[in-house]
Amino acid sequence: MTDRLFCPRCGGREIVNDWSNPFAVNYGAPLPRKCRSCGYRSMIFPAEPDEEEPKGRRRPHEEMTQYLVLIALVAAALYLAFR
């Protein structure tokens, strides 16, 4: 999931790098960004998440972790029962 930038002035979503300063480009300085809708320029734009993850749905690695814990518990029980 990526965060999406938006303009604090107009709320626009089309934020691009501002290449108008040749010194920043030539010397590797951080580029300011620019809103295409209203022309607002800044080094920092706020961001908000694109989409929220559905609630109640587990991620695959969480389910795998639960299975591994279960297998470890069964293996420990068998070890203690047959030693």
PDB file of N, CA and C in Angstrom:
ATOM      1  N   MET A   1       0.838  -1.152   0.000  1.00  0.00           N
ATOM      2  CA  MET A   1       0.000   0.000   0.000  1.00  0.00           C
ATOM      3  C   MET A   1       0.897   1.233   0.000  1.00  0.00           C
ATOM      4  N   THR A   2       0.582   2.147  -0.873  1.00  0.00           N
ATOM      5  CA  THR A   2       1.388   3.355  -0.954  1.00  0.00           C
ATOM      6  C   THR A   2       0.564   4.541  -0.488  1.00  0.00           C
ATOM      7  N   ASP A   3       1.275   5.553  -0.029  1.00  0.00           N
ATOM      8  CA  ASP A   3       0.612   6.785   0.354  1.00  0.00           C
ATOM      9  C   ASP A   3       0.539   7.699  -0.856  1.00  0.00           C
ATOM     10  N   ARG A   4      -0.539   8.429  -0.953  1.00  0.00           N
ATOM     11  CA  ARG A   4      -0.745   9.308  -2.095  1.00  0.00           C
ATOM     12  C   ARG A   4      -0.714  10.756  -1.628  1.00  0.00           C
ATOM     13  N   LEU A   5       0.086  11.574  -2.314  1.00  0.00           N
ATOM     14  CA  LEU A   5       0.226  12.976  -1.960  1.00  0.00           C
ATOM     15  C   LEU A   5      -0.981  13.777  -2.431  1.00  0.00           C
ATOM     16  N   PHE A   6      -1.312  14.832  -1.662  1.00  0.00           N
ATOM     17  CA  PHE A   6      -2.358  15.745  -2.098  1.00  0.00           C
ATOM     18  C   PHE A   6      -1.957  17.174  -1.757  1.00  0.00           C
ATOM     19  N   CYS A   7      -2.525  18.126  -2.466  1.00  0.00           N
ATOM     20  CA  CYS A   7      -2.207  19.531  -2.284  1.00  0.00           C
ATOM     21  C   CYS A   7      -2.971  20.084  -1.079  1.00  0.00           C
ATOM     22  N   PRO A   8      -2.266  20.750  -0.140  1.00  0.00           N
ATOM     23  CA  PRO A   8      -2.973  21.308   1.003  1.00  0.00           C
ATOM     24  C   PRO A   8      -3.810  22.539   0.640  1.00  0.00           C
ATOM     25  N   ARG A   9      -3.511  23.168  -0.487  1.00  0.00           N
ATOM     26  CA  ARG A   9      -4.247  24.370  -0.882  1.00  0.00           C
ATOM     27  C   ARG A   9      -5.552  24.024  -1.589  1.00  0.00           C
ATOM     28  N   CYS A  10      -5.485  23.171  -2.611  1.00  0.00           N
ATOM     29  CA  CYS A  10      -6.686  22.892  -3.409  1.00  0.00           C
ATOM     30  C   CYS A  10      -7.193  21.454  -3.271  1.00  0.00           C
ATOM     31  N   GLY A  11      -6.400  20.566  -2.668  1.00  0.00           N
ATOM     32  CA  GLY A  11      -6.819  19.171  -2.521  1.00  0.00           C
ATOM     33  C   GLY A  11      -6.548  18.328  -3.754  1.00  0.00           C
ATOM     34  N   GLY A  12      -5.850  18.892  -4.742  1.00  0.00           N
ATOM     35  CA  GLY A  12      -5.553  18.160  -5.970  1.00  0.00           C
ATOM     36  C   GLY A  12      -4.638  16.965  -5.724  1.00  0.00           C
ATOM     37  N   ARG A  13      -4.741  15.961  -6.581  1.00  0.00           N
ATOM     38  CA  ARG A  13      -3.953  14.730  -6.446  1.00  0.00           C
ATOM     39  C   ARG A  13      -2.798  14.624  -7.426  1.00  0.00           C
ATOM     40  N   GLU A  14      -2.673  15.571  -8.352  1.00  0.00           N
ATOM     41  CA  GLU A  14      -1.604  15.517  -9.355  1.00  0.00           C
ATOM     42  C   GLU A  14      -0.401  16.308  -8.860  1.00  0.00           C
ATOM     43  N   ILE A  15       0.454  15.664  -8.081  1.00  0.00           N
ATOM     44  CA  ILE A  15       1.652  16.277  -7.525  1.00  0.00           C
ATOM     45  C   ILE A  15       2.849  15.727  -8.298  1.00  0.00           C
ATOM     46  N   VAL A  16       3.663  16.617  -8.844  1.00  0.00           N
ATOM     47  CA  VAL A  16       4.816  16.210  -9.658  1.00  0.00           C
ATOM     48  C   VAL A  16       6.068  16.914  -9.154  1.00  0.00           C
ATOM     49  N   ASN A  17       7.232  16.395  -9.508  1.00  0.00           N
ATOM     50  CA  ASN A  17       8.495  17.065  -9.198  1.00  0.00           C
ATOM     51  C   ASN A  17       8.590  18.345 -10.014  1.00  0.00           C
ATOM     52  N   ASP A  18       9.089  19.401  -9.387  1.00  0.00           N
ATOM     53  CA  ASP A  18       9.252  20.691 -10.073  1.00  0.00           C
ATOM     54  C   ASP A  18      10.694  20.791 -10.576  1.00  0.00           C
ATOM     55  N   TRP A  19      10.879  20.659 -11.878  1.00  0.00           N
ATOM     56  CA  TRP A  19      12.213  20.651 -12.492  1.00  0.00           C
ATOM     57  C   TRP A  19      12.651  22.044 -12.919  1.00  0.00           C
ATOM     58  N   SER A  20      12.008  23.100 -12.449  1.00  0.00           N
ATOM     59  CA  SER A  20      12.308  24.450 -12.928  1.00  0.00           C
ATOM     60  C   SER A  20      13.614  25.031 -12.377  1.00  0.00           C
ATOM     61  N   ASN A  21      14.169  24.450 -11.318  1.00  0.00           N
ATOM     62  CA  ASN A  21      15.420  24.962 -10.748  1.00  0.00           C
ATOM     63  C   ASN A  21      16.588  24.126 -11.273  1.00  0.00           C
ATOM     64  N   PRO A  22      17.404  24.664 -12.206  1.00  0.00           N
ATOM     65  CA  PRO A  22      18.494  23.866 -12.774  1.00  0.00           C
ATOM     66  C   PRO A  22      19.589  23.537 -11.763  1.00  0.00           C
ATOM     67  N   PHE A  23      19.768  24.363 -10.738  1.00  0.00           N
ATOM     68  CA  PHE A  23      20.801  24.081  -9.737  1.00  0.00           C
ATOM     69  C   PHE A  23      20.451  22.843  -8.917  1.00  0.00           C
ATOM     70  N   ALA A  24      19.193  22.704  -8.592  1.00  0.00           N
ATOM     71  CA  ALA A  24      18.756  21.532  -7.834  1.00  0.00           C
ATOM     72  C   ALA A  24      18.968  20.267  -8.663  1.00  0.00           C
ATOM     73  N   VAL A  25      18.698  20.350  -9.953  1.00  0.00           N
ATOM     74  CA  VAL A  25      18.856  19.190 -10.826  1.00  0.00           C
ATOM     75  C   VAL A  25      20.338  18.847 -10.990  1.00  0.00           C
ATOM     76  N   ASN A  26      21.179  19.847 -11.233  1.00  0.00           N
ATOM     77  CA  ASN A  26      22.600  19.611 -11.495  1.00  0.00           C
ATOM     78  C   ASN A  26      23.364  19.130 -10.275  1.00  0.00           C
ATOM     79  N   TYR A  27      23.025  19.637  -9.107  1.00  0.00           N
ATOM     80  CA  TYR A  27      23.800  19.316  -7.906  1.00  0.00           C
ATOM     81  C   TYR A  27      23.150  18.269  -7.013  1.00  0.00           C
ATOM     82  N   GLY A  28      22.071  17.698  -7.435  1.00  0.00           N
ATOM     83  CA  GLY A  28      21.451  16.606  -6.692  1.00  0.00           C
ATOM     84  C   GLY A  28      20.703  17.042  -5.445  1.00  0.00           C
ATOM     85  N   ALA A  29      20.330  18.285  -5.364  1.00  0.00           N
ATOM     86  CA  ALA A  29      19.544  18.757  -4.222  1.00  0.00           C
ATOM     87  C   ALA A  29      18.128  18.191  -4.323  1.00  0.00           C
ATOM     88  N   PRO A  30      17.444  18.073  -3.212  1.00  0.00           N
ATOM     89  CA  PRO A  30      16.062  17.575  -3.279  1.00  0.00           C
ATOM     90  C   PRO A  30      15.191  18.522  -4.099  1.00  0.00           C
ATOM     91  N   LEU A  31      14.368  17.953  -4.930  1.00  0.00           N
ATOM     92  CA  LEU A  31      13.499  18.755  -5.788  1.00  0.00           C
ATOM     93  C   LEU A  31      12.220  19.134  -5.049  1.00  0.00           C
ATOM     94  N   PRO A  32      11.786  20.377  -5.217  1.00  0.00           N
ATOM     95  CA  PRO A  32      10.467  20.705  -4.676  1.00  0.00           C
ATOM     96  C   PRO A  32       9.397  20.036  -5.529  1.00  0.00           C
ATOM     97  N   ARG A  33       8.213  19.960  -4.999  1.00  0.00           N
ATOM     98  CA  ARG A  33       7.100  19.381  -5.752  1.00  0.00           C
ATOM     99  C   ARG A  33       6.100  20.470  -6.068  1.00  0.00           C
ATOM    100  N   LYS A  34       5.271  20.184  -7.065  1.00  0.00           N
ATOM    101  CA  LYS A  34       4.336  21.190  -7.550  1.00  0.00           C
ATOM    102  C   LYS A  34       2.991  20.541  -7.830  1.00  0.00           C
ATOM    103  N   CYS A  35       1.932  21.253  -7.469  1.00  0.00           N
ATOM    104  CA  CYS A  35       0.574  20.796  -7.772  1.00  0.00           C
ATOM    105  C   CYS A  35       0.227  21.261  -9.179  1.00  0.00           C
ATOM    106  N   ARG A  36      -0.223  20.358 -10.007  1.00  0.00           N
ATOM    107  CA  ARG A  36      -0.586  20.729 -11.387  1.00  0.00           C
ATOM    108  C   ARG A  36      -1.886  21.524 -11.440  1.00  0.00           C
ATOM    109  N   SER A  37      -2.740  21.340 -10.456  1.00  0.00           N
ATOM    110  CA  SER A  37      -4.035  22.028 -10.476  1.00  0.00           C
ATOM    111  C   SER A  37      -3.911  23.513 -10.168  1.00  0.00           C
ATOM    112  N   CYS A  38      -3.208  23.854  -9.075  1.00  0.00           N
ATOM    113  CA  CYS A  38      -3.175  25.257  -8.656  1.00  0.00           C
ATOM    114  C   CYS A  38      -1.776  25.874  -8.717  1.00  0.00           C
ATOM    115  N   GLY A  39      -0.723  25.086  -8.962  1.00  0.00           N
ATOM    116  CA  GLY A  39       0.627  25.614  -9.071  1.00  0.00           C
ATOM    117  C   GLY A  39       1.350  25.772  -7.743  1.00  0.00           C
ATOM    118  N   TYR A  40       0.764  25.309  -6.658  1.00  0.00           N
ATOM    119  CA  TYR A  40       1.395  25.412  -5.337  1.00  0.00           C
ATOM    120  C   TYR A  40       2.699  24.618  -5.324  1.00  0.00           C
ATOM    121  N   ARG A  41       3.789  25.246  -4.810  1.00  0.00           N
ATOM    122  CA  ARG A  41       5.099  24.601  -4.744  1.00  0.00           C
ATOM    123  C   ARG A  41       5.522  24.464  -3.292  1.00  0.00           C
ATOM    124  N   SER A  42       6.112  23.322  -2.966  1.00  0.00           N
ATOM    125  CA  SER A  42       6.608  23.098  -1.616  1.00  0.00           C
ATOM    126  C   SER A  42       7.529  21.885  -1.628  1.00  0.00           C
ATOM    127  N   MET A  43       8.370  21.790  -0.600  1.00  0.00           N
ATOM    128  CA  MET A  43       9.212  20.604  -0.444  1.00  0.00           C
ATOM    129  C   MET A  43       8.422  19.465   0.193  1.00  0.00           C
ATOM    130  N   ILE A  44       7.379  19.815   0.938  1.00  0.00           N
ATOM    131  CA  ILE A  44       6.615  18.812   1.686  1.00  0.00           C
ATOM    132  C   ILE A  44       5.138  18.922   1.327  1.00  0.00           C
ATOM    133  N   PHE A  45       4.547  17.801   0.969  1.00  0.00           N
ATOM    134  CA  PHE A  45       3.111  17.709   0.726  1.00  0.00           C
ATOM    135  C   PHE A  45       2.561  16.632   1.648  1.00  0.00           C
ATOM    136  N   PRO A  46       1.384  16.823   2.205  1.00  0.00           N
ATOM    137  CA  PRO A  46       0.798  15.776   3.048  1.00  0.00           C
ATOM    138  C   PRO A  46       0.397  14.568   2.218  1.00  0.00           C
ATOM    139  N   ALA A  47       0.325  13.422   2.877  1.00  0.00           N
ATOM    140  CA  ALA A  47      -0.050  12.182   2.189  1.00  0.00           C
ATOM    141  C   ALA A  47      -1.123  11.466   2.992  1.00  0.00           C
ATOM    142  N   GLU A  48      -1.933  10.703   2.299  1.00  0.00           N
ATOM    143  CA  GLU A  48      -2.909   9.849   2.959  1.00  0.00           C
ATOM    144  C   GLU A  48      -2.922   8.509   2.246  1.00  0.00           C
ATOM    145  N   PRO A  49      -3.285   7.447   2.932  1.00  0.00           N
ATOM    146  CA  PRO A  49      -3.260   6.121   2.312  1.00  0.00           C
ATOM    147  C   PRO A  49      -4.244   6.025   1.145  1.00  0.00           C
ATOM    148  N   ASP A  50      -3.857   5.246   0.139  1.00  0.00           N
ATOM    149  CA  ASP A  50      -4.737   5.036  -1.015  1.00  0.00           C
ATOM    150  C   ASP A  50      -6.011   4.302  -0.624  1.00  0.00           C
ATOM    151  N   GLU A  51      -5.828   3.121  -0.059  1.00  0.00           N
ATOM    152  CA  GLU A  51      -6.976   2.271   0.284  1.00  0.00           C
ATOM    153  C   GLU A  51      -6.760   1.681   1.657  1.00  0.00           C
ATOM    154  N   GLU A  52      -7.834   1.491   2.343  1.00  0.00           N
ATOM    155  CA  GLU A  52      -7.755   0.815   3.630  1.00  0.00           C
ATOM    156  C   GLU A  52      -7.874  -0.687   3.400  1.00  0.00           C
ATOM    157  N   GLU A  53      -7.172  -1.437   4.213  1.00  0.00           N
ATOM    158  CA  GLU A  53      -7.250  -2.881   4.130  1.00  0.00           C
ATOM    159  C   GLU A  53      -8.578  -3.336   4.728  1.00  0.00           C
ATOM    160  N   PRO A  54      -9.273  -4.287   4.104  1.00  0.00           N
ATOM    161  CA  PRO A  54     -10.553  -4.729   4.639  1.00  0.00           C
ATOM    162  C   PRO A  54     -10.387  -5.289   6.057  1.00  0.00           C
ATOM    163  N   LYS A  55     -11.284  -4.903   6.938  1.00  0.00           N
ATOM    164  CA  LYS A  55     -11.192  -5.385   8.310  1.00  0.00           C
ATOM    165  C   LYS A  55     -11.736  -6.798   8.393  1.00  0.00           C
ATOM    166  N   GLY A  56     -11.150  -7.588   9.265  1.00  0.00           N
ATOM    167  CA  GLY A  56     -11.587  -8.966   9.434  1.00  0.00           C
ATOM    168  C   GLY A  56     -10.884  -9.939   8.500  1.00  0.00           C
ATOM    169  N   ARG A  57     -10.166  -9.454   7.557  1.00  0.00           N
ATOM    170  CA  ARG A  57      -9.447 -10.320   6.625  1.00  0.00           C
ATOM    171  C   ARG A  57      -7.999 -10.401   7.057  1.00  0.00           C
ATOM    172  N   ARG A  58      -7.496 -11.602   7.212  1.00  0.00           N
ATOM    173  CA  ARG A  58      -6.131 -11.794   7.671  1.00  0.00           C
ATOM    174  C   ARG A  58      -5.160 -11.784   6.511  1.00  0.00           C
ATOM    175  N   ARG A  59      -3.973 -11.398   6.831  1.00  0.00           N
ATOM    176  CA  ARG A  59      -2.902 -11.458   5.837  1.00  0.00           C
ATOM    177  C   ARG A  59      -2.376 -12.880   5.790  1.00  0.00           C
ATOM    178  N   PRO A  60      -1.853 -13.320   4.644  1.00  0.00           N
ATOM    179  CA  PRO A  60      -1.362 -14.700   4.523  1.00  0.00           C
ATOM    180  C   PRO A  60      -0.256 -15.035   5.524  1.00  0.00           C
ATOM    181  N   HIS A  61       0.644 -14.108   5.828  1.00  0.00           N
ATOM    182  CA  HIS A  61       1.735 -14.434   6.734  1.00  0.00           C
ATOM    183  C   HIS A  61       1.234 -14.613   8.162  1.00  0.00           C
ATOM    184  N   GLU A  62       0.111 -13.966   8.531  1.00  0.00           N
ATOM    185  CA  GLU A  62      -0.453 -14.176   9.863  1.00  0.00           C
ATOM    186  C   GLU A  62      -1.026 -15.588   9.988  1.00  0.00           C
ATOM    187  N   GLU A  63      -1.677 -16.059   8.938  1.00  0.00           N
ATOM    188  CA  GLU A  63      -2.208 -17.423   8.967  1.00  0.00           C
ATOM    189  C   GLU A  63      -1.071 -18.437   9.019  1.00  0.00           C
ATOM    190  N   MET A  64       0.000 -18.197   8.271  1.00  0.00           N
ATOM    191  CA  MET A  64       1.145 -19.104   8.286  1.00  0.00           C
ATOM    192  C   MET A  64       1.770 -19.143   9.671  1.00  0.00           C
ATOM    193  N   THR A  65       1.855 -18.004  10.339  1.00  0.00           N
ATOM    194  CA  THR A  65       2.416 -17.955  11.682  1.00  0.00           C
ATOM    195  C   THR A  65       1.577 -18.788  12.634  1.00  0.00           C
ATOM    196  N   GLN A  66       0.265 -18.728  12.516  1.00  0.00           N
ATOM    197  CA  GLN A  66      -0.599 -19.532  13.388  1.00  0.00           C
ATOM    198  C   GLN A  66      -0.373 -21.020  13.149  1.00  0.00           C
ATOM    199  N   TYR A  67      -0.223 -21.434  11.904  1.00  0.00           N
ATOM    200  CA  TYR A  67       0.029 -22.846  11.612  1.00  0.00           C
ATOM    201  C   TYR A  67       1.378 -23.297  12.162  1.00  0.00           C
ATOM    202  N   LEU A  68       2.388 -22.443  12.045  1.00  0.00           N
ATOM    203  CA  LEU A  68       3.708 -22.804  12.568  1.00  0.00           C
ATOM    204  C   LEU A  68       3.694 -22.943  14.082  1.00  0.00           C
ATOM    205  N   VAL A  69       2.956 -22.090  14.762  1.00  0.00           N
ATOM    206  CA  VAL A  69       2.834 -22.198  16.219  1.00  0.00           C
ATOM    207  C   VAL A  69       2.121 -23.495  16.577  1.00  0.00           C
ATOM    208  N   LEU A  70       1.083 -23.848  15.851  1.00  0.00           N
ATOM    209  CA  LEU A  70       0.353 -25.089  16.105  1.00  0.00           C
ATOM    210  C   LEU A  70       1.256 -26.304  15.887  1.00  0.00           C
ATOM    211  N   ILE A  71       2.031 -26.302  14.826  1.00  0.00           N
ATOM    212  CA  ILE A  71       2.944 -27.409  14.551  1.00  0.00           C
ATOM    213  C   ILE A  71       3.994 -27.513  15.652  1.00  0.00           C
ATOM    214  N   ALA A  72       4.495 -26.390  16.126  1.00  0.00           N
ATOM    215  CA  ALA A  72       5.495 -26.414  17.197  1.00  0.00           C
ATOM    216  C   ALA A  72       4.902 -26.971  18.489  1.00  0.00           C
ATOM    217  N   LEU A  73       3.663 -26.617  18.793  1.00  0.00           N
ATOM    218  CA  LEU A  73       3.015 -27.141  19.995  1.00  0.00           C
ATOM    219  C   LEU A  73       2.787 -28.647  19.901  1.00  0.00           C
ATOM    220  N   VAL A  74       2.364 -29.118  18.746  1.00  0.00           N
ATOM    221  CA  VAL A  74       2.155 -30.557  18.552  1.00  0.00           C
ATOM    222  C   VAL A  74       3.488 -31.289  18.654  1.00  0.00           C
ATOM    223  N   ALA A  75       4.546 -30.746  18.060  1.00  0.00           N
ATOM    224  CA  ALA A  75       5.857 -31.383  18.127  1.00  0.00           C
ATOM    225  C   ALA A  75       6.362 -31.423  19.569  1.00  0.00           C
ATOM    226  N   ALA A  76       6.140 -30.369  20.341  1.00  0.00           N
ATOM    227  CA  ALA A  76       6.564 -30.357  21.741  1.00  0.00           C
ATOM    228  C   ALA A  76       5.779 -31.377  22.550  1.00  0.00           C
ATOM    229  N   ALA A  77       4.479 -31.494  22.299  1.00  0.00           N
ATOM    230  CA  ALA A  77       3.668 -32.469  23.018  1.00  0.00           C
ATOM    231  C   ALA A  77       4.113 -33.902  22.694  1.00  0.00           C
ATOM    232  N   LEU A  78       4.387 -34.176  21.417  1.00  0.00           N
ATOM    233  CA  LEU A  78       4.856 -35.508  21.043  1.00  0.00           C
ATOM    234  C   LEU A  78       6.230 -35.811  21.641  1.00  0.00           C
ATOM    235  N   TYR A  79       7.084 -34.837  21.700  1.00  0.00           N
ATOM    236  CA  TYR A  79       8.409 -35.021  22.290  1.00  0.00           C
ATOM    237  C   TYR A  79       8.285 -35.377  23.775  1.00  0.00           C
ATOM    238  N   LEU A  80       7.428 -34.638  24.480  1.00  0.00           N
ATOM    239  CA  LEU A  80       7.256 -34.921  25.917  1.00  0.00           C
ATOM    240  C   LEU A  80       6.560 -36.248  26.160  1.00  0.00           C
ATOM    241  N   ALA A  81       5.680 -36.657  25.260  1.00  0.00           N
ATOM    242  CA  ALA A  81       4.955 -37.921  25.452  1.00  0.00           C
ATOM    243  C   ALA A  81       5.824 -39.137  25.180  1.00  0.00           C
ATOM    244  N   PHE A  82       6.778 -39.056  24.290  1.00  0.00           N
ATOM    245  CA  PHE A  82       7.555 -40.239  23.887  1.00  0.00           C
ATOM    246  C   PHE A  82       9.029 -40.173  24.239  1.00  0.00           C
ATOM    247  N   ARG A  83       9.447 -39.382  25.168  1.00  0.00           N
ATOM    248  CA  ARG A  83      10.866 -39.350  25.496  1.00  0.00           C
ATOM    249  C   ARG A  83      11.225 -40.383  26.517  1.00  0.00           C
TER     250      ARG A  83
END
